[in-house]
């Protein structure tokens, strides 16, 4: 039993050392940048003739949810961008959401749920909104990126 206990301590110390070394590699003082905020991006193709309906839906939901999330400190900011598609297989709409850091994204599900319920209604009402949006747009994908600030 003592050998197992010593082995466990050795593994724990090795893990701490490994994490410390990797953390220092992730952001070295010699790097030409510092880490900034974290952004999520949702890339969307709004279907032809649906821009007014889609943006009205976002105004009544996403804008209100994100404004409340900013007030509650869940996110720093958000942006919605629209532009022409580069080709027929490209998106024409992006929703960006800015978080302070990766840790700010974790463990906040209850707060998000409460905000969505207050603004969008119960689960059935939220499901109906999502079903309506399916006719208005296609989601091309999501991505998370960290801003880097050059020194």
C-alpha atoms as a PDB file:
ATOM      1  CA  UNK A   1       0.000   0.000   0.000  1.00  0.00           C
ATOM      2  CA  UNK A   2       2.897   2.365   0.760  1.00  0.00           C
ATOM      3  CA  UNK A   3       4.342   1.731  -2.705  1.00  0.00           C
ATOM      4  CA  UNK A   4       1.021   2.692  -4.297  1.00  0.00           C
ATOM      5  CA  UNK A   5       0.866   5.850  -2.176  1.00  0.00           C
ATOM      6  CA  UNK A   6       4.441   6.848  -3.148  1.00  0.00           C
ATOM      7  CA  UNK A   7       3.652   6.061  -6.777  1.00  0.00           C
ATOM      8  CA  UNK A   8       0.524   8.246  -6.609  1.00  0.00           C
ATOM      9  CA  UNK A   9       2.518  11.125  -5.155  1.00  0.00           C
ATOM     10  CA  UNK A  10       5.156  10.755  -7.854  1.00  0.00           C
ATOM     11  CA  UNK A  11       2.493  10.782 -10.590  1.00  0.00           C
ATOM     12  CA  UNK A  12       0.848  13.844  -9.019  1.00  0.00           C
ATOM     13  CA  UNK A  13       4.167  15.708  -8.809  1.00  0.00           C
ATOM     14  CA  UNK A  14       4.989  14.799 -12.413  1.00  0.00           C
ATOM     15  CA  UNK A  15       1.569  16.053 -13.531  1.00  0.00           C
ATOM     16  CA  UNK A  16       2.032  19.347 -11.677  1.00  0.00           C
ATOM     17  CA  UNK A  17       5.484  19.763 -13.223  1.00  0.00           C
ATOM     18  CA  UNK A  18       4.137  18.957 -16.686  1.00  0.00           C
ATOM     19  CA  UNK A  19       1.259  21.438 -16.355  1.00  0.00           C
ATOM     20  CA  UNK A  20       3.599  24.138 -15.053  1.00  0.00           C
ATOM     21  CA  UNK A  21       6.033  23.647 -17.939  1.00  0.00           C
ATOM     22  CA  UNK A  22       3.220  23.604 -20.537  1.00  0.00           C
ATOM     23  CA  UNK A  23       1.568  26.684 -19.057  1.00  0.00           C
ATOM     24  CA  UNK A  24       4.821  28.600 -19.207  1.00  0.00           C
ATOM     25  CA  UNK A  25       5.324  27.485 -22.818  1.00  0.00           C
ATOM     26  CA  UNK A  26       1.829  28.662 -23.707  1.00  0.00           C
ATOM     27  CA  UNK A  27       2.628  32.253 -22.737  1.00  0.00           C
ATOM     28  CA  UNK A  28       6.345  32.960 -22.496  1.00  0.00           C
ATOM     29  CA  UNK A  29       7.649  36.430 -21.688  1.00  0.00           C
ATOM     30  CA  UNK A  30       9.684  36.229 -24.898  1.00  0.00           C
ATOM     31  CA  UNK A  31       6.552  35.773 -27.024  1.00  0.00           C
ATOM     32  CA  UNK A  32       5.835  38.772 -29.272  1.00  0.00           C
ATOM     33  CA  UNK A  33       2.235  38.873 -28.010  1.00  0.00           C
ATOM     34  CA  UNK A  34       0.033  38.502 -24.957  1.00  0.00           C
ATOM     35  CA  UNK A  35      -3.220  36.599 -24.809  1.00  0.00           C
ATOM     36  CA  UNK A  36      -6.349  38.673 -25.117  1.00  0.00           C
ATOM     37  CA  UNK A  37     -10.010  37.824 -24.933  1.00  0.00           C
ATOM     38  CA  UNK A  38     -11.639  34.721 -26.417  1.00  0.00           C
ATOM     39  CA  UNK A  39     -14.129  35.011 -29.266  1.00  0.00           C
ATOM     40  CA  UNK A  40     -16.707  32.517 -30.475  1.00  0.00           C
ATOM     41  CA  UNK A  41     -17.855  32.831 -34.073  1.00  0.00           C
ATOM     42  CA  UNK A  42     -20.975  31.375 -35.590  1.00  0.00           C
ATOM     43  CA  UNK A  43     -20.870  31.385 -39.393  1.00  0.00           C
ATOM     44  CA  UNK A  44     -24.285  31.485 -41.030  1.00  0.00           C
ATOM     45  CA  UNK A  45     -25.772  31.663 -44.490  1.00  0.00           C
ATOM     46  CA  UNK A  46     -29.011  33.639 -44.427  1.00  0.00           C
ATOM     47  CA  UNK A  47     -31.236  32.293 -47.172  1.00  0.00           C
ATOM     48  CA  UNK A  48     -32.229  34.571 -50.066  1.00  0.00           C
ATOM     49  CA  UNK A  49     -35.093  36.889 -49.175  1.00  0.00           C
ATOM     50  CA  UNK A  50     -34.909  36.063 -45.445  1.00  0.00           C
ATOM     51  CA  UNK A  51     -32.590  38.815 -44.152  1.00  0.00           C
ATOM     52  CA  UNK A  52     -35.362  40.999 -42.720  1.00  0.00           C
ATOM     53  CA  UNK A  53     -37.075  38.095 -40.956  1.00  0.00           C
ATOM     54  CA  UNK A  54     -33.803  36.697 -39.634  1.00  0.00           C
ATOM     55  CA  UNK A  55     -32.454  39.996 -38.318  1.00  0.00           C
ATOM     56  CA  UNK A  56     -35.817  40.767 -36.720  1.00  0.00           C
ATOM     57  CA  UNK A  57     -35.653  37.418 -34.938  1.00  0.00           C
ATOM     58  CA  UNK A  58     -32.109  38.180 -33.745  1.00  0.00           C
ATOM     59  CA  UNK A  59     -33.173  41.643 -32.556  1.00  0.00           C
ATOM     60  CA  UNK A  60     -35.905  40.096 -30.408  1.00  0.00           C
ATOM     61  CA  UNK A  61     -33.756  37.297 -28.988  1.00  0.00           C
ATOM     62  CA  UNK A  62     -29.976  37.288 -29.485  1.00  0.00           C
ATOM     63  CA  UNK A  63     -29.609  41.035 -28.930  1.00  0.00           C
ATOM     64  CA  UNK A  64     -31.687  40.974 -25.743  1.00  0.00           C
ATOM     65  CA  UNK A  65     -29.977  37.828 -24.414  1.00  0.00           C
ATOM     66  CA  UNK A  66     -26.499  39.175 -25.127  1.00  0.00           C
ATOM     67  CA  UNK A  67     -27.274  42.637 -23.730  1.00  0.00           C
ATOM     68  CA  UNK A  68     -28.344  40.960 -20.477  1.00  0.00           C
ATOM     69  CA  UNK A  69     -25.261  38.692 -20.562  1.00  0.00           C
ATOM     70  CA  UNK A  70     -23.051  41.798 -20.808  1.00  0.00           C
ATOM     71  CA  UNK A  71     -24.883  43.359 -17.817  1.00  0.00           C
ATOM     72  CA  UNK A  72     -24.375  40.172 -15.801  1.00  0.00           C
ATOM     73  CA  UNK A  73     -20.696  39.908 -16.772  1.00  0.00           C
ATOM     74  CA  UNK A  74     -21.045  36.642 -18.704  1.00  0.00           C
ATOM     75  CA  UNK A  75     -19.585  38.177 -21.860  1.00  0.00           C
ATOM     76  CA  UNK A  76     -17.593  41.314 -22.648  1.00  0.00           C
ATOM     77  CA  UNK A  77     -19.283  42.146 -25.949  1.00  0.00           C
ATOM     78  CA  UNK A  78     -20.807  40.781 -29.123  1.00  0.00           C
ATOM     79  CA  UNK A  79     -20.969  41.773 -32.776  1.00  0.00           C
ATOM     80  CA  UNK A  80     -23.088  40.747 -35.721  1.00  0.00           C
ATOM     81  CA  UNK A  81     -21.544  41.071 -39.173  1.00  0.00           C
ATOM     82  CA  UNK A  82     -23.197  40.749 -42.552  1.00  0.00           C
ATOM     83  CA  UNK A  83     -21.601  40.718 -45.995  1.00  0.00           C
ATOM     84  CA  UNK A  84     -21.694  39.180 -49.425  1.00  0.00           C
ATOM     85  CA  UNK A  85     -20.753  35.533 -49.825  1.00  0.00           C
ATOM     86  CA  UNK A  86     -17.445  34.961 -51.619  1.00  0.00           C
ATOM     87  CA  UNK A  87     -18.913  31.973 -53.464  1.00  0.00           C
ATOM     88  CA  UNK A  88     -22.084  29.835 -53.428  1.00  0.00           C
ATOM     89  CA  UNK A  89     -20.686  27.669 -50.616  1.00  0.00           C
ATOM     90  CA  UNK A  90     -19.746  30.587 -48.334  1.00  0.00           C
ATOM     91  CA  UNK A  91     -21.466  32.149 -45.329  1.00  0.00           C
ATOM     92  CA  UNK A  92     -22.800  35.724 -45.389  1.00  0.00           C
ATOM     93  CA  UNK A  93     -23.412  36.379 -41.704  1.00  0.00           C
ATOM     94  CA  UNK A  94     -21.272  36.043 -38.541  1.00  0.00           C
ATOM     95  CA  UNK A  95     -22.218  36.327 -34.878  1.00  0.00           C
ATOM     96  CA  UNK A  96     -19.194  37.060 -32.664  1.00  0.00           C
ATOM     97  CA  UNK A  97     -19.252  36.794 -28.874  1.00  0.00           C
ATOM     98  CA  UNK A  98     -16.348  38.009 -26.722  1.00  0.00           C
ATOM     99  CA  UNK A  99     -15.432  36.369 -23.399  1.00  0.00           C
ATOM    100  CA  UNK A 100     -12.792  37.620 -20.959  1.00  0.00           C
ATOM    101  CA  UNK A 101     -10.951  34.287 -21.145  1.00  0.00           C
ATOM    102  CA  UNK A 102     -11.626  30.555 -21.452  1.00  0.00           C
ATOM    103  CA  UNK A 103     -12.462  30.231 -17.756  1.00  0.00           C
ATOM    104  CA  UNK A 104     -15.256  32.798 -18.162  1.00  0.00           C
ATOM    105  CA  UNK A 105     -17.033  30.355 -20.466  1.00  0.00           C
ATOM    106  CA  UNK A 106     -17.242  27.518 -17.938  1.00  0.00           C
ATOM    107  CA  UNK A 107     -19.915  26.741 -15.351  1.00  0.00           C
ATOM    108  CA  UNK A 108     -22.359  29.482 -16.308  1.00  0.00           C
ATOM    109  CA  UNK A 109     -25.109  27.325 -17.828  1.00  0.00           C
ATOM    110  CA  UNK A 110     -27.659  28.163 -15.112  1.00  0.00           C
ATOM    111  CA  UNK A 111     -27.200  31.908 -15.656  1.00  0.00           C
ATOM    112  CA  UNK A 112     -27.511  31.508 -19.433  1.00  0.00           C
ATOM    113  CA  UNK A 113     -30.605  29.322 -19.035  1.00  0.00           C
ATOM    114  CA  UNK A 114     -32.254  31.903 -16.765  1.00  0.00           C
ATOM    115  CA  UNK A 115     -31.570  34.721 -19.238  1.00  0.00           C
ATOM    116  CA  UNK A 116     -32.909  32.733 -22.198  1.00  0.00           C
ATOM    117  CA  UNK A 117     -36.015  31.666 -20.257  1.00  0.00           C
ATOM    118  CA  UNK A 118     -36.727  35.271 -19.229  1.00  0.00           C
ATOM    119  CA  UNK A 119     -36.339  36.631 -22.768  1.00  0.00           C
ATOM    120  CA  UNK A 120     -37.284  33.751 -25.055  1.00  0.00           C
ATOM    121  CA  UNK A 121     -39.705  31.777 -22.890  1.00  0.00           C
ATOM    122  CA  UNK A 122     -39.727  28.141 -21.831  1.00  0.00           C
ATOM    123  CA  UNK A 123     -38.031  25.268 -23.665  1.00  0.00           C
ATOM    124  CA  UNK A 124     -40.979  24.822 -26.048  1.00  0.00           C
ATOM    125  CA  UNK A 125     -40.947  28.513 -27.005  1.00  0.00           C
ATOM    126  CA  UNK A 126     -37.173  28.404 -27.564  1.00  0.00           C
ATOM    127  CA  UNK A 127     -37.545  25.274 -29.696  1.00  0.00           C
ATOM    128  CA  UNK A 128     -40.167  27.025 -31.833  1.00  0.00           C
ATOM    129  CA  UNK A 129     -37.818  29.972 -32.410  1.00  0.00           C
ATOM    130  CA  UNK A 130     -35.057  27.601 -33.520  1.00  0.00           C
ATOM    131  CA  UNK A 131     -37.409  25.742 -35.859  1.00  0.00           C
ATOM    132  CA  UNK A 132     -38.510  29.020 -37.447  1.00  0.00           C
ATOM    133  CA  UNK A 133     -34.880  30.042 -37.964  1.00  0.00           C
ATOM    134  CA  UNK A 134     -34.194  26.788 -39.799  1.00  0.00           C
ATOM    135  CA  UNK A 135     -36.276  28.141 -42.668  1.00  0.00           C
ATOM    136  CA  UNK A 136     -34.335  31.424 -42.608  1.00  0.00           C
ATOM    137  CA  UNK A 137     -30.705  30.314 -42.434  1.00  0.00           C
ATOM    138  CA  UNK A 138     -28.170  27.513 -42.493  1.00  0.00           C
ATOM    139  CA  UNK A 139     -25.414  27.307 -39.900  1.00  0.00           C
ATOM    140  CA  UNK A 140     -22.085  26.679 -41.612  1.00  0.00           C
ATOM    141  CA  UNK A 141     -20.094  26.166 -38.436  1.00  0.00           C
ATOM    142  CA  UNK A 142     -18.728  27.588 -35.232  1.00  0.00           C
ATOM    143  CA  UNK A 143     -15.232  28.445 -34.149  1.00  0.00           C
ATOM    144  CA  UNK A 144     -13.462  29.700 -31.054  1.00  0.00           C
ATOM    145  CA  UNK A 145     -10.364  31.884 -31.317  1.00  0.00           C
ATOM    146  CA  UNK A 146      -8.226  33.840 -28.888  1.00  0.00           C
ATOM    147  CA  UNK A 147      -7.271  37.412 -29.641  1.00  0.00           C
ATOM    148  CA  UNK A 148      -3.555  38.031 -29.484  1.00  0.00           C
ATOM    149  CA  UNK A 149      -2.175  41.451 -28.625  1.00  0.00           C
ATOM    150  CA  UNK A 150       1.180  42.163 -30.224  1.00  0.00           C
ATOM    151  CA  UNK A 151       3.758  43.644 -27.842  1.00  0.00           C
END
